C-alpha atoms as a PDB file:
ATOM      1  CA  MET A   1      18.011   1.734 -21.780  1.00  0.00           C
ATOM      2  CA  ASP A   2      17.676  -0.150 -18.510  1.00  0.00           C
ATOM      3  CA  ILE A   3      14.308  -0.182 -16.803  1.00  0.00           C
ATOM      4  CA  LEU A   4      14.736   0.254 -13.069  1.00  0.00           C
ATOM      5  CA  ALA A   5      11.235   0.488 -11.600  1.00  0.00           C
ATOM      6  CA  GLN A   6       9.239  -2.639 -10.795  1.00  0.00           C
ATOM      7  CA  VAL A   7       5.449  -2.694 -10.348  1.00  0.00           C
ATOM      8  CA  ASN A   8       4.198  -5.040  -7.629  1.00  0.00           C
ATOM      9  CA  GLU A   9       0.481  -5.755  -7.176  1.00  0.00           C
ATOM     10  CA  ALA A  10      -1.096  -8.039  -4.607  1.00  0.00           C
ATOM     11  CA  ASP A  11      -4.136  -8.658  -2.436  1.00  0.00           C
ATOM     12  CA  VAL A  12      -3.042  -9.084   1.179  1.00  0.00           C
ATOM     13  CA  VAL A  13      -4.894 -10.389   4.242  1.00  0.00           C
ATOM     14  CA  THR A  14      -2.115 -10.210   6.838  1.00  0.00           C
ATOM     15  CA  PRO A  15      -0.377  -7.183   8.407  1.00  0.00           C
ATOM     16  CA  GLY A  16       2.777  -5.944   6.729  1.00  0.00           C
ATOM     17  CA  GLU A  17       4.541  -2.925   5.292  1.00  0.00           C
ATOM     18  CA  LEU A  18       5.412  -1.285   2.013  1.00  0.00           C
ATOM     19  CA  GLN A  19       9.121  -1.653   1.484  1.00  0.00           C
ATOM     20  CA  ILE A  20      11.310   1.324   2.243  1.00  0.00           C
ATOM     21  CA  GLY A  21      12.229   3.341  -0.833  1.00  0.00           C
ATOM     22  CA  PHE A  22       9.047   2.703  -2.866  1.00  0.00           C
ATOM     23  CA  LEU A  23       8.358   5.420  -5.447  1.00  0.00           C
ATOM     24  CA  VAL A  24       4.555   5.248  -5.878  1.00  0.00           C
ATOM     25  CA  ALA A  25       1.857   3.213  -4.131  1.00  0.00           C
ATOM     26  CA  SER A  26      -1.867   2.851  -3.712  1.00  0.00           C
ATOM     27  CA  ILE A  27      -3.768   0.813  -1.163  1.00  0.00           C
ATOM     28  CA  LYS A  28      -7.485   0.030  -1.438  1.00  0.00           C
ATOM     29  CA  ASN A  29      -9.596  -1.750   1.132  1.00  0.00           C
ATOM     30  CA  VAL A  30     -11.492  -4.287  -0.999  1.00  0.00           C
ATOM     31  CA  GLY A  31     -12.794  -6.199   2.025  1.00  0.00           C
ATOM     32  CA  THR A  32     -15.635  -5.621   4.462  1.00  0.00           C
ATOM     33  CA  GLU A  33     -13.832  -4.514   7.645  1.00  0.00           C
ATOM     34  CA  LYS A  34     -11.782  -1.434   8.567  1.00  0.00           C
ATOM     35  CA  ALA A  35      -8.013  -1.652   8.146  1.00  0.00           C
ATOM     36  CA  ILE A  36      -5.258   0.586   9.497  1.00  0.00           C
ATOM     37  CA  VAL A  37      -2.759   2.103   7.069  1.00  0.00           C
ATOM     38  CA  ASN A  38       0.069   4.261   8.372  1.00  0.00           C
ATOM     39  CA  GLY A  39      -1.807   4.621  11.669  1.00  0.00           C
ATOM     40  CA  VAL A  40      -5.091   5.804  10.064  1.00  0.00           C
ATOM     41  CA  ASN A  41      -8.359   3.877   9.557  1.00  0.00           C
ATOM     42  CA  LEU A  42      -9.128   2.817   5.992  1.00  0.00           C
ATOM     43  CA  ASP A  43     -12.821   1.979   5.633  1.00  0.00           C
ATOM     44  CA  PRO A  44     -14.126  -0.649   3.192  1.00  0.00           C
ATOM     45  CA  GLY A  45     -14.090   0.770  -0.342  1.00  0.00           C
ATOM     46  CA  GLU A  46     -11.666   3.578   0.528  1.00  0.00           C
ATOM     47  CA  ALA A  47      -8.261   3.970  -1.091  1.00  0.00           C
ATOM     48  CA  LYS A  48      -5.103   5.820  -0.192  1.00  0.00           C
ATOM     49  CA  GLY A  49      -2.398   6.960  -2.572  1.00  0.00           C
ATOM     50  CA  TYR A  50       1.270   7.816  -2.265  1.00  0.00           C
ATOM     51  CA  PRO A  51       2.208   9.733  -5.444  1.00  0.00           C
ATOM     52  CA  PHE A  52       5.687  10.202  -6.848  1.00  0.00           C
ATOM     53  CA  VAL A  53       7.438  12.983  -4.904  1.00  0.00           C
ATOM     54  CA  GLY A  54      10.910  12.816  -6.438  1.00  0.00           C
ATOM     55  CA  LYS A  55      12.461  10.357  -3.995  1.00  0.00           C
ATOM     56  CA  GLY A  56      11.571   7.128  -2.212  1.00  0.00           C
ATOM     57  CA  TYR A  57       9.205   6.932   0.765  1.00  0.00           C
ATOM     58  CA  ARG A  58       9.938   5.607   4.218  1.00  0.00           C
ATOM     59  CA  LYS A  59       8.184   2.342   5.067  1.00  0.00           C
ATOM     60  CA  VAL A  60       4.402   2.432   5.463  1.00  0.00           C
ATOM     61  CA  THR A  61       2.835  -0.160   7.752  1.00  0.00           C
ATOM     62  CA  TYR A  62      -0.630  -1.653   7.415  1.00  0.00           C
ATOM     63  CA  ASP A  63      -2.808  -3.893   9.562  1.00  0.00           C
ATOM     64  CA  THR A  64      -5.522  -5.711   7.631  1.00  0.00           C
ATOM     65  CA  LYS A  65      -7.582  -6.417  10.789  1.00  0.00           C
ATOM     66  CA  GLY A  66      -9.543  -9.199   9.058  1.00  0.00           C
ATOM     67  CA  THR A  67     -10.079  -7.487   5.698  1.00  0.00           C
ATOM     68  CA  THR A  68      -8.351  -7.572   2.295  1.00  0.00           C
ATOM     69  CA  LEU A  69      -6.141  -4.788   0.972  1.00  0.00           C
ATOM     70  CA  ARG A  70      -5.272  -4.452  -2.705  1.00  0.00           C
ATOM     71  CA  ILE A  71      -1.794  -2.931  -2.925  1.00  0.00           C
ATOM     72  CA  MET A  72       0.064  -1.592  -5.933  1.00  0.00           C
ATOM     73  CA  GLN A  73       3.540  -0.209  -5.474  1.00  0.00           C
ATOM     74  CA  ILE A  74       6.359   0.828  -7.751  1.00  0.00           C
ATOM     75  CA  VAL A  75       9.829   0.260  -6.348  1.00  0.00           C
END
């Protein structure tokens, strides 16, 4: 049986995006400043999840704004 999904985990400090077609993701602000994820503020210590919904997501952008985001995504 082939395994198709790949788990990617990283701490990021620069703006970016979750790749189009990801299946599951979570983003936690592990820094000390507010970040912006998908156009919404993410305060320090807060996390946001994108659960499996049966098909891939569109891209999700994030702006670290001087903080660190811990990102886990399954593609």
